[in-house]
Protein backbone atom coordinates (compact mmCIF):
# COMPACT_ATOMS: atom_id res chain seq x y z
CA UNK A 1 -0.10 -0.09 -0.07
CA UNK A 2 2.74 2.42 0.77
CA UNK A 3 4.68 1.65 -2.74
CA UNK A 4 1.24 2.78 -4.10
CA UNK A 5 0.91 6.32 -2.28
CA UNK A 6 4.32 6.88 -2.90
CA UNK A 7 4.01 6.30 -6.63
CA UNK A 8 0.34 8.30 -6.30
CA UNK A 9 1.93 11.53 -4.35
CA UNK A 10 4.88 11.36 -7.21
CA UNK A 11 2.32 11.44 -10.06
CA UNK A 12 0.45 14.57 -8.51
CA UNK A 13 3.34 16.47 -7.60
CA UNK A 14 4.82 16.03 -11.21
CA UNK A 15 1.46 16.91 -12.93
CA UNK A 16 0.91 19.91 -10.44
CA UNK A 17 4.45 21.27 -11.31
CA UNK A 18 4.11 20.61 -15.23
CA UNK A 19 0.62 22.54 -14.17
CA UNK A 20 2.25 25.47 -12.98
CA UNK A 21 5.16 25.17 -15.36
CA UNK A 22 2.55 25.48 -18.59
CA UNK A 23 0.25 28.11 -16.60
CA UNK A 24 2.77 30.79 -15.70
CA UNK A 25 6.27 30.02 -15.54
CA UNK A 26 6.82 29.58 -19.63
CA UNK A 27 3.99 33.02 -20.10
CA UNK A 28 5.98 34.69 -17.63
CA UNK A 29 9.32 33.81 -19.61
CA UNK A 30 7.47 34.24 -22.87
CA UNK A 31 6.41 38.02 -21.98
CA UNK A 32 9.82 38.31 -20.33
CA UNK A 33 11.42 37.70 -23.81
CA UNK A 34 9.12 40.15 -25.82
CA UNK A 35 9.86 43.13 -23.21
CA UNK A 36 13.53 42.21 -24.03
CA UNK A 37 12.85 42.47 -27.68
CA UNK A 38 11.24 46.09 -27.33
CA UNK A 39 14.45 46.63 -25.28
CA UNK A 40 16.16 45.56 -28.41
CA UNK A 41 14.02 47.53 -30.92
CA UNK A 42 14.06 51.00 -29.26
CA UNK A 43 17.98 50.82 -29.47
CA UNK A 44 18.32 49.01 -33.01
CA UNK A 45 15.56 51.65 -33.96
CA UNK A 46 16.26 55.25 -32.10
CA UNK A 47 18.27 56.48 -35.42
CA UNK A 48 14.88 56.09 -37.28
CA UNK A 49 12.21 57.28 -34.57
CA UNK A 50 14.44 60.15 -33.58
CA UNK A 51 15.09 61.67 -36.91
CA UNK A 52 11.63 61.39 -38.83
CA UNK A 53 12.25 61.92 -42.49
CA UNK A 54 15.11 61.26 -42.59
CA UNK A 55 15.60 56.90 -42.89
CA UNK A 56 14.24 55.70 -46.55
CA UNK A 57 10.70 55.33 -46.42
CA UNK A 58 10.69 51.61 -47.25
CA UNK A 59 12.84 50.68 -44.20
CA UNK A 60 10.47 53.40 -41.94
CA UNK A 61 7.25 51.38 -43.03
CA UNK A 62 9.41 47.85 -41.78
CA UNK A 63 10.38 49.31 -38.51
CA UNK A 64 6.84 50.51 -38.13
CA UNK A 65 5.72 46.92 -38.56
CA UNK A 66 7.94 45.60 -36.21
CA UNK A 67 7.38 48.20 -33.56
CA UNK A 68 3.32 47.72 -33.89
CA UNK A 69 3.87 43.53 -34.04
CA UNK A 70 5.61 43.86 -30.81
CA UNK A 71 2.73 45.79 -29.00
CA UNK A 72 0.64 42.97 -30.16
CA UNK A 73 2.77 40.50 -28.80
CA UNK A 74 3.02 42.27 -25.37
CA UNK A 75 -0.58 42.28 -25.38
CA UNK A 76 -0.99 38.72 -26.06
CA UNK A 77 1.14 37.92 -23.68
CA UNK A 78 -0.70 39.34 -21.09
CA UNK A 79 -3.86 36.77 -22.08
CA UNK A 80 -1.83 33.81 -22.18
CA UNK A 81 -1.59 33.72 -18.15
CA UNK A 82 -4.58 33.16 -16.91
CA UNK A 83 -5.82 35.57 -13.77
CA UNK A 84 -3.29 38.11 -15.00
CA UNK A 85 -4.88 41.01 -13.11
CA UNK A 86 -4.92 39.05 -9.73
CA UNK A 87 -1.31 37.54 -10.40
CA UNK A 88 0.09 41.34 -10.98
CA UNK A 89 -0.89 42.51 -7.42
CA UNK A 90 2.60 40.09 -6.58
CA UNK A 91 4.31 42.44 -8.61
CA UNK A 92 6.25 39.85 -10.71
CA UNK A 93 4.24 40.62 -13.79
CA UNK A 94 3.64 44.43 -15.07
CA UNK A 95 0.25 45.24 -14.07
CA UNK A 96 -2.01 45.07 -17.10
CA UNK A 97 -2.67 49.13 -16.75
CA UNK A 98 1.43 49.35 -17.42
CA UNK A 99 1.22 46.95 -20.20
CA UNK A 100 -1.93 48.78 -21.23
CA UNK A 101 -0.03 52.14 -21.28
CA UNK A 102 3.68 50.56 -23.21
CA UNK A 103 1.18 49.17 -25.74
CA UNK A 104 -0.11 52.89 -25.97
CA UNK A 105 3.06 54.19 -26.66
CA UNK A 106 4.49 51.69 -29.18
CA UNK A 107 1.28 52.05 -31.15
CA UNK A 108 1.72 55.81 -31.30
CA UNK A 109 5.63 55.37 -31.90
CA UNK A 110 4.87 52.94 -35.03
CA UNK A 111 2.26 55.67 -36.64
CA UNK A 112 4.57 58.46 -36.30
CA UNK A 113 8.06 57.32 -38.11
CA UNK A 114 6.80 58.86 -41.27
CA UNK A 115 4.91 61.88 -40.35
CA UNK A 116 5.57 62.88 -36.59
CA UNK A 117 7.48 64.35 -34.32
CA UNK A 118 11.06 63.27 -32.94
CA UNK A 119 10.62 64.80 -29.62
CA UNK A 120 7.05 63.32 -29.34
CA UNK A 121 8.90 59.97 -30.29
CA UNK A 122 11.77 60.16 -28.09
CA UNK A 123 9.33 61.01 -25.47
CA UNK A 124 7.11 57.70 -25.95
CA UNK A 125 10.56 55.51 -26.22
CA UNK A 126 11.43 57.29 -22.62
CA UNK A 127 8.16 56.11 -21.32
CA UNK A 128 8.11 53.20 -22.68
CA UNK A 129 11.85 52.78 -20.96
CA UNK A 130 10.39 54.10 -17.81
CA UNK A 131 7.18 51.69 -17.44
CA UNK A 132 9.09 48.53 -18.32
CA UNK A 133 12.54 49.68 -16.02
CA UNK A 134 14.43 49.29 -18.80
CA UNK A 135 17.73 50.42 -18.65
CA UNK A 136 20.05 52.01 -20.97
CA UNK A 137 21.35 55.02 -22.63
């Protein structure tokens, strides 16, 4: 009987561990990866959003699409995590309010690459960095 209990408890621990891994840990890692991509893009494309009109139109369009995709990916990362709003109270994940502000700034940045204001784009990028606690100069 004790062998059966040992095996059963082992299976239960394994199933619980896999459930936690699939529902919370992996989506959290995906969200962190998305934030890292946002950080990378802000640094990589600083020359594009800081000097509106100086970059060729076709390159600007590609950058705009890439930034918009990151905004969509960030929102999707929240939707992958069950009970996201309740979990954000633990401060492990950025709050939904912060994510929505970041998304708004990313979309604004994406929309203003061709005909926007460079100083406004810089402000959007700085706000994103502040909200996501991204550090670089």
